[in-house]
Amino acid sequence: LGRGGLLEPIMANHGRRHLSYGVEIEHFETMGTSLMIALEMRLGDQWTSEVAKAWQNAYDRIQSCFTAAMKEECKSKSNKVVKRHINDLQLVQESWKLI
């Protein structure tokens, strides 16, 4: 994260790939909260407000790259795989409600 813009393309690529895993942009808030709680529990007394702020800033940057790439990928009309996956996911979610 300290390498300027070198990691953004890598993080964007991971963000696009997360679409194929069924990750939705709304999941990032819960994930971020869970990560912060887990880090606080693991670090114990080492978890200071400065450490918390550093981790939150890092997570915010990663989340921003991921979600921007995910939004762009969803807008892309040429990505049939993503559209098919989203359609399949919606069908599964809708039919799951009936079970």
N, C-alpha and C. Protein backbone atom coordinates (compact mmCIF):
# COMPACT_ATOMS: atom_id res chain seq x y z
N LEU A 1 0.81 -1.20 0.00
CA LEU A 1 0.00 0.00 0.00
C LEU A 1 0.85 1.26 0.00
N GLY A 2 2.11 1.12 0.33
CA GLY A 2 2.98 2.27 0.36
C GLY A 2 3.70 2.51 -0.95
N ARG A 3 3.30 1.83 -2.00
CA ARG A 3 3.99 1.95 -3.28
C ARG A 3 3.26 2.84 -4.27
N GLY A 4 2.57 3.83 -3.77
CA GLY A 4 1.88 4.75 -4.67
C GLY A 4 0.83 4.04 -5.49
N GLY A 5 0.86 4.27 -6.80
CA GLY A 5 -0.15 3.72 -7.69
C GLY A 5 0.18 2.34 -8.25
N LEU A 6 1.22 1.70 -7.75
CA LEU A 6 1.62 0.41 -8.31
C LEU A 6 0.63 -0.71 -8.01
N LEU A 7 -0.04 -0.64 -6.87
CA LEU A 7 -0.93 -1.73 -6.49
C LEU A 7 -2.37 -1.56 -6.98
N GLU A 8 -2.73 -0.34 -7.41
CA GLU A 8 -4.10 -0.12 -7.84
C GLU A 8 -4.54 -1.06 -8.97
N PRO A 9 -3.73 -1.26 -10.02
CA PRO A 9 -4.17 -2.20 -11.06
C PRO A 9 -4.34 -3.63 -10.55
N ILE A 10 -3.50 -4.03 -9.62
CA ILE A 10 -3.62 -5.37 -9.05
C ILE A 10 -4.90 -5.47 -8.22
N MET A 11 -5.15 -4.47 -7.40
CA MET A 11 -6.37 -4.48 -6.59
C MET A 11 -7.61 -4.40 -7.46
N ALA A 12 -7.56 -3.61 -8.54
CA ALA A 12 -8.70 -3.52 -9.46
C ALA A 12 -8.98 -4.88 -10.09
N ASN A 13 -7.93 -5.58 -10.47
CA ASN A 13 -8.10 -6.91 -11.04
C ASN A 13 -8.75 -7.86 -10.04
N HIS A 14 -8.30 -7.80 -8.81
CA HIS A 14 -8.91 -8.64 -7.77
C HIS A 14 -10.38 -8.26 -7.56
N GLY A 15 -10.66 -6.97 -7.62
CA GLY A 15 -12.05 -6.53 -7.48
C GLY A 15 -12.93 -7.10 -8.56
N ARG A 16 -12.46 -7.07 -9.80
CA ARG A 16 -13.23 -7.65 -10.91
C ARG A 16 -13.42 -9.15 -10.70
N ARG A 17 -12.39 -9.82 -10.24
CA ARG A 17 -12.50 -11.26 -10.02
C ARG A 17 -13.50 -11.59 -8.91
N HIS A 18 -13.61 -10.71 -7.93
CA HIS A 18 -14.53 -10.97 -6.83
C HIS A 18 -15.98 -11.03 -7.30
N LEU A 19 -16.29 -10.39 -8.41
CA LEU A 19 -17.64 -10.52 -8.96
C LEU A 19 -17.96 -11.97 -9.26
N SER A 20 -16.99 -12.69 -9.80
CA SER A 20 -17.24 -14.09 -10.15
C SER A 20 -17.38 -14.97 -8.91
N TYR A 21 -16.99 -14.46 -7.75
CA TYR A 21 -17.16 -15.21 -6.50
C TYR A 21 -18.51 -14.91 -5.85
N GLY A 22 -19.26 -14.00 -6.46
CA GLY A 22 -20.55 -13.64 -5.89
C GLY A 22 -20.48 -12.49 -4.89
N VAL A 23 -19.34 -11.85 -4.79
CA VAL A 23 -19.19 -10.72 -3.87
C VAL A 23 -19.96 -9.53 -4.43
N GLU A 24 -20.68 -8.86 -3.54
CA GLU A 24 -21.40 -7.65 -3.91
C GLU A 24 -20.79 -6.47 -3.17
N ILE A 25 -20.93 -5.31 -3.74
CA ILE A 25 -20.33 -4.12 -3.15
C ILE A 25 -20.80 -3.91 -1.71
N GLU A 26 -22.04 -4.26 -1.45
CA GLU A 26 -22.59 -4.09 -0.10
C GLU A 26 -21.87 -4.95 0.94
N HIS A 27 -21.20 -6.01 0.51
CA HIS A 27 -20.51 -6.90 1.43
C HIS A 27 -19.28 -6.25 2.06
N PHE A 28 -18.73 -5.23 1.43
CA PHE A 28 -17.47 -4.66 1.90
C PHE A 28 -17.60 -3.96 3.25
N GLU A 29 -18.74 -3.39 3.54
CA GLU A 29 -18.91 -2.74 4.84
C GLU A 29 -18.85 -3.77 5.96
N THR A 30 -19.57 -4.87 5.79
CA THR A 30 -19.56 -5.94 6.80
C THR A 30 -18.17 -6.54 6.92
N MET A 31 -17.53 -6.76 5.79
CA MET A 31 -16.19 -7.33 5.80
C MET A 31 -15.22 -6.41 6.53
N GLY A 32 -15.31 -5.12 6.26
CA GLY A 32 -14.42 -4.16 6.92
C GLY A 32 -14.62 -4.15 8.43
N THR A 33 -15.87 -4.15 8.85
CA THR A 33 -16.17 -4.18 10.28
C THR A 33 -15.63 -5.45 10.92
N SER A 34 -15.86 -6.58 10.25
CA SER A 34 -15.38 -7.87 10.77
C SER A 34 -13.86 -7.91 10.86
N LEU A 35 -13.21 -7.37 9.84
CA LEU A 35 -11.74 -7.34 9.84
C LEU A 35 -11.22 -6.51 11.01
N MET A 36 -11.81 -5.34 11.22
CA MET A 36 -11.35 -4.48 12.31
C MET A 36 -11.55 -5.15 13.66
N ILE A 37 -12.68 -5.82 13.85
CA ILE A 37 -12.93 -6.52 15.12
C ILE A 37 -11.91 -7.65 15.31
N ALA A 38 -11.67 -8.41 14.25
CA ALA A 38 -10.71 -9.52 14.34
C ALA A 38 -9.30 -9.01 14.65
N LEU A 39 -8.91 -7.93 14.00
CA LEU A 39 -7.58 -7.36 14.27
C LEU A 39 -7.48 -6.86 15.70
N GLU A 40 -8.52 -6.20 16.16
CA GLU A 40 -8.51 -5.69 17.53
C GLU A 40 -8.41 -6.85 18.54
N MET A 41 -9.15 -7.91 18.30
CA MET A 41 -9.10 -9.06 19.20
C MET A 41 -7.72 -9.71 19.18
N ARG A 42 -7.15 -9.84 18.01
CA ARG A 42 -5.85 -10.52 17.87
C ARG A 42 -4.71 -9.68 18.45
N LEU A 43 -4.76 -8.37 18.22
CA LEU A 43 -3.66 -7.50 18.66
C LEU A 43 -3.76 -7.10 20.12
N GLY A 44 -4.93 -7.20 20.69
CA GLY A 44 -5.09 -6.89 22.12
C GLY A 44 -4.61 -5.49 22.46
N ASP A 45 -3.68 -5.43 23.41
CA ASP A 45 -3.16 -4.13 23.87
C ASP A 45 -2.39 -3.38 22.79
N GLN A 46 -1.95 -4.08 21.76
CA GLN A 46 -1.22 -3.44 20.66
C GLN A 46 -2.17 -2.69 19.72
N TRP A 47 -3.48 -2.90 19.87
CA TRP A 47 -4.48 -2.23 19.04
C TRP A 47 -4.73 -0.84 19.63
N THR A 48 -4.08 0.13 19.05
CA THR A 48 -4.23 1.52 19.50
C THR A 48 -5.09 2.28 18.49
N SER A 49 -5.45 3.48 18.83
CA SER A 49 -6.23 4.28 17.89
C SER A 49 -5.43 4.56 16.62
N GLU A 50 -4.11 4.69 16.75
CA GLU A 50 -3.27 4.91 15.57
C GLU A 50 -3.24 3.68 14.66
N VAL A 51 -3.12 2.50 15.28
CA VAL A 51 -3.13 1.26 14.51
C VAL A 51 -4.49 1.08 13.84
N ALA A 52 -5.55 1.34 14.58
CA ALA A 52 -6.90 1.21 14.03
C ALA A 52 -7.08 2.14 12.83
N LYS A 53 -6.61 3.37 12.97
CA LYS A 53 -6.74 4.33 11.87
C LYS A 53 -5.94 3.88 10.65
N ALA A 54 -4.73 3.37 10.88
CA ALA A 54 -3.90 2.90 9.77
C ALA A 54 -4.58 1.74 9.03
N TRP A 55 -5.10 0.78 9.80
CA TRP A 55 -5.79 -0.35 9.17
C TRP A 55 -7.06 0.10 8.45
N GLN A 56 -7.79 1.02 9.03
CA GLN A 56 -9.01 1.51 8.39
C GLN A 56 -8.67 2.23 7.09
N ASN A 57 -7.63 3.04 7.10
CA ASN A 57 -7.20 3.72 5.88
C ASN A 57 -6.79 2.73 4.80
N ALA A 58 -6.05 1.70 5.20
CA ALA A 58 -5.63 0.67 4.23
C ALA A 58 -6.84 -0.05 3.66
N TYR A 59 -7.76 -0.45 4.53
CA TYR A 59 -8.95 -1.15 4.06
C TYR A 59 -9.79 -0.26 3.15
N ASP A 60 -9.94 1.00 3.52
CA ASP A 60 -10.71 1.94 2.69
C ASP A 60 -10.12 2.06 1.29
N ARG A 61 -8.80 2.10 1.22
CA ARG A 61 -8.14 2.21 -0.08
C ARG A 61 -8.37 0.95 -0.93
N ILE A 62 -8.23 -0.20 -0.31
CA ILE A 62 -8.47 -1.46 -1.02
C ILE A 62 -9.92 -1.54 -1.46
N GLN A 63 -10.83 -1.22 -0.55
CA GLN A 63 -12.26 -1.26 -0.88
C GLN A 63 -12.58 -0.32 -2.03
N SER A 64 -12.01 0.84 -2.03
CA SER A 64 -12.26 1.81 -3.08
C SER A 64 -11.82 1.27 -4.44
N CYS A 65 -10.63 0.67 -4.49
CA CYS A 65 -10.14 0.09 -5.75
C CYS A 65 -11.01 -1.07 -6.20
N PHE A 66 -11.35 -1.95 -5.26
CA PHE A 66 -12.18 -3.11 -5.59
C PHE A 66 -13.53 -2.67 -6.13
N THR A 67 -14.21 -1.79 -5.40
CA THR A 67 -15.57 -1.43 -5.78
C THR A 67 -15.61 -0.62 -7.07
N ALA A 68 -14.63 0.24 -7.29
CA ALA A 68 -14.60 0.99 -8.56
C ALA A 68 -14.46 0.04 -9.73
N ALA A 69 -13.59 -0.95 -9.60
CA ALA A 69 -13.40 -1.93 -10.68
C ALA A 69 -14.64 -2.79 -10.86
N MET A 70 -15.28 -3.16 -9.76
CA MET A 70 -16.49 -3.97 -9.83
C MET A 70 -17.62 -3.21 -10.54
N LYS A 71 -17.77 -1.94 -10.21
CA LYS A 71 -18.80 -1.12 -10.86
C LYS A 71 -18.53 -1.00 -12.36
N GLU A 72 -17.29 -0.76 -12.70
CA GLU A 72 -16.92 -0.62 -14.11
C GLU A 72 -17.17 -1.93 -14.86
N GLU A 73 -16.83 -3.03 -14.23
CA GLU A 73 -17.02 -4.34 -14.86
C GLU A 73 -18.51 -4.63 -15.09
N CYS A 74 -19.33 -4.24 -14.13
CA CYS A 74 -20.77 -4.45 -14.27
C CYS A 74 -21.34 -3.62 -15.41
N LYS A 75 -20.76 -2.45 -15.65
CA LYS A 75 -21.23 -1.58 -16.73
C LYS A 75 -20.83 -2.11 -18.10
N SER A 76 -19.80 -2.89 -18.13
CA SER A 76 -19.27 -3.39 -19.40
C SER A 76 -20.28 -4.32 -20.07
N LYS A 77 -20.70 -3.94 -21.25
CA LYS A 77 -21.67 -4.75 -21.98
C LYS A 77 -21.02 -5.96 -22.65
N SER A 78 -19.73 -5.93 -22.77
CA SER A 78 -19.05 -7.01 -23.47
C SER A 78 -18.71 -8.20 -22.57
N ASN A 79 -18.92 -8.07 -21.27
CA ASN A 79 -18.53 -9.14 -20.36
C ASN A 79 -19.73 -10.07 -20.10
N LYS A 80 -19.93 -11.01 -20.97
CA LYS A 80 -21.06 -11.93 -20.87
C LYS A 80 -20.92 -12.87 -19.68
N VAL A 81 -19.71 -13.20 -19.30
CA VAL A 81 -19.50 -14.11 -18.18
C VAL A 81 -20.04 -13.49 -16.90
N VAL A 82 -19.73 -12.21 -16.68
CA VAL A 82 -20.21 -11.53 -15.48
C VAL A 82 -21.73 -11.45 -15.50
N LYS A 83 -22.30 -11.09 -16.64
CA LYS A 83 -23.74 -10.98 -16.73
C LYS A 83 -24.42 -12.33 -16.48
N ARG A 84 -23.85 -13.38 -17.04
CA ARG A 84 -24.42 -14.71 -16.84
C ARG A 84 -24.33 -15.10 -15.38
N HIS A 85 -23.19 -14.80 -14.75
CA HIS A 85 -23.02 -15.12 -13.34
C HIS A 85 -24.05 -14.35 -12.49
N ILE A 86 -24.20 -13.09 -12.77
CA ILE A 86 -25.16 -12.28 -12.01
C ILE A 86 -26.57 -12.83 -12.21
N ASN A 87 -26.91 -13.19 -13.44
CA ASN A 87 -28.22 -13.77 -13.72
C ASN A 87 -28.40 -15.09 -12.96
N ASP A 88 -27.39 -15.96 -13.02
CA ASP A 88 -27.46 -17.23 -12.30
C ASP A 88 -27.62 -16.99 -10.80
N LEU A 89 -26.87 -16.06 -10.28
CA LEU A 89 -26.93 -15.75 -8.86
C LEU A 89 -28.33 -15.26 -8.48
N GLN A 90 -28.90 -14.40 -9.29
CA GLN A 90 -30.24 -13.90 -9.02
C GLN A 90 -31.27 -15.02 -9.06
N LEU A 91 -31.14 -15.93 -10.04
CA LEU A 91 -32.06 -17.05 -10.12
C LEU A 91 -31.96 -17.96 -8.90
N VAL A 92 -30.75 -18.21 -8.46
CA VAL A 92 -30.55 -19.04 -7.27
C VAL A 92 -31.14 -18.35 -6.04
N GLN A 93 -30.87 -17.05 -5.90
CA GLN A 93 -31.38 -16.32 -4.74
C GLN A 93 -32.90 -16.29 -4.74
N GLU A 94 -33.52 -16.07 -5.91
CA GLU A 94 -34.97 -16.04 -6.00
C GLU A 94 -35.58 -17.41 -5.70
N SER A 95 -34.98 -18.45 -6.25
CA SER A 95 -35.53 -19.78 -6.00
C SER A 95 -35.27 -20.23 -4.56
N TRP A 96 -34.18 -19.75 -3.96
CA TRP A 96 -33.89 -20.11 -2.57
C TRP A 96 -35.00 -19.62 -1.65
N LYS A 97 -35.56 -18.46 -1.96
CA LYS A 97 -36.64 -17.90 -1.14
C LYS A 97 -37.86 -18.81 -1.13
N LEU A 98 -38.01 -19.62 -2.16
CA LEU A 98 -39.15 -20.51 -2.27
C LEU A 98 -38.97 -21.83 -1.52
N ILE A 99 -37.74 -22.08 -1.13
CA ILE A 99 -37.44 -23.35 -0.46
C ILE A 99 -37.80 -23.27 1.01
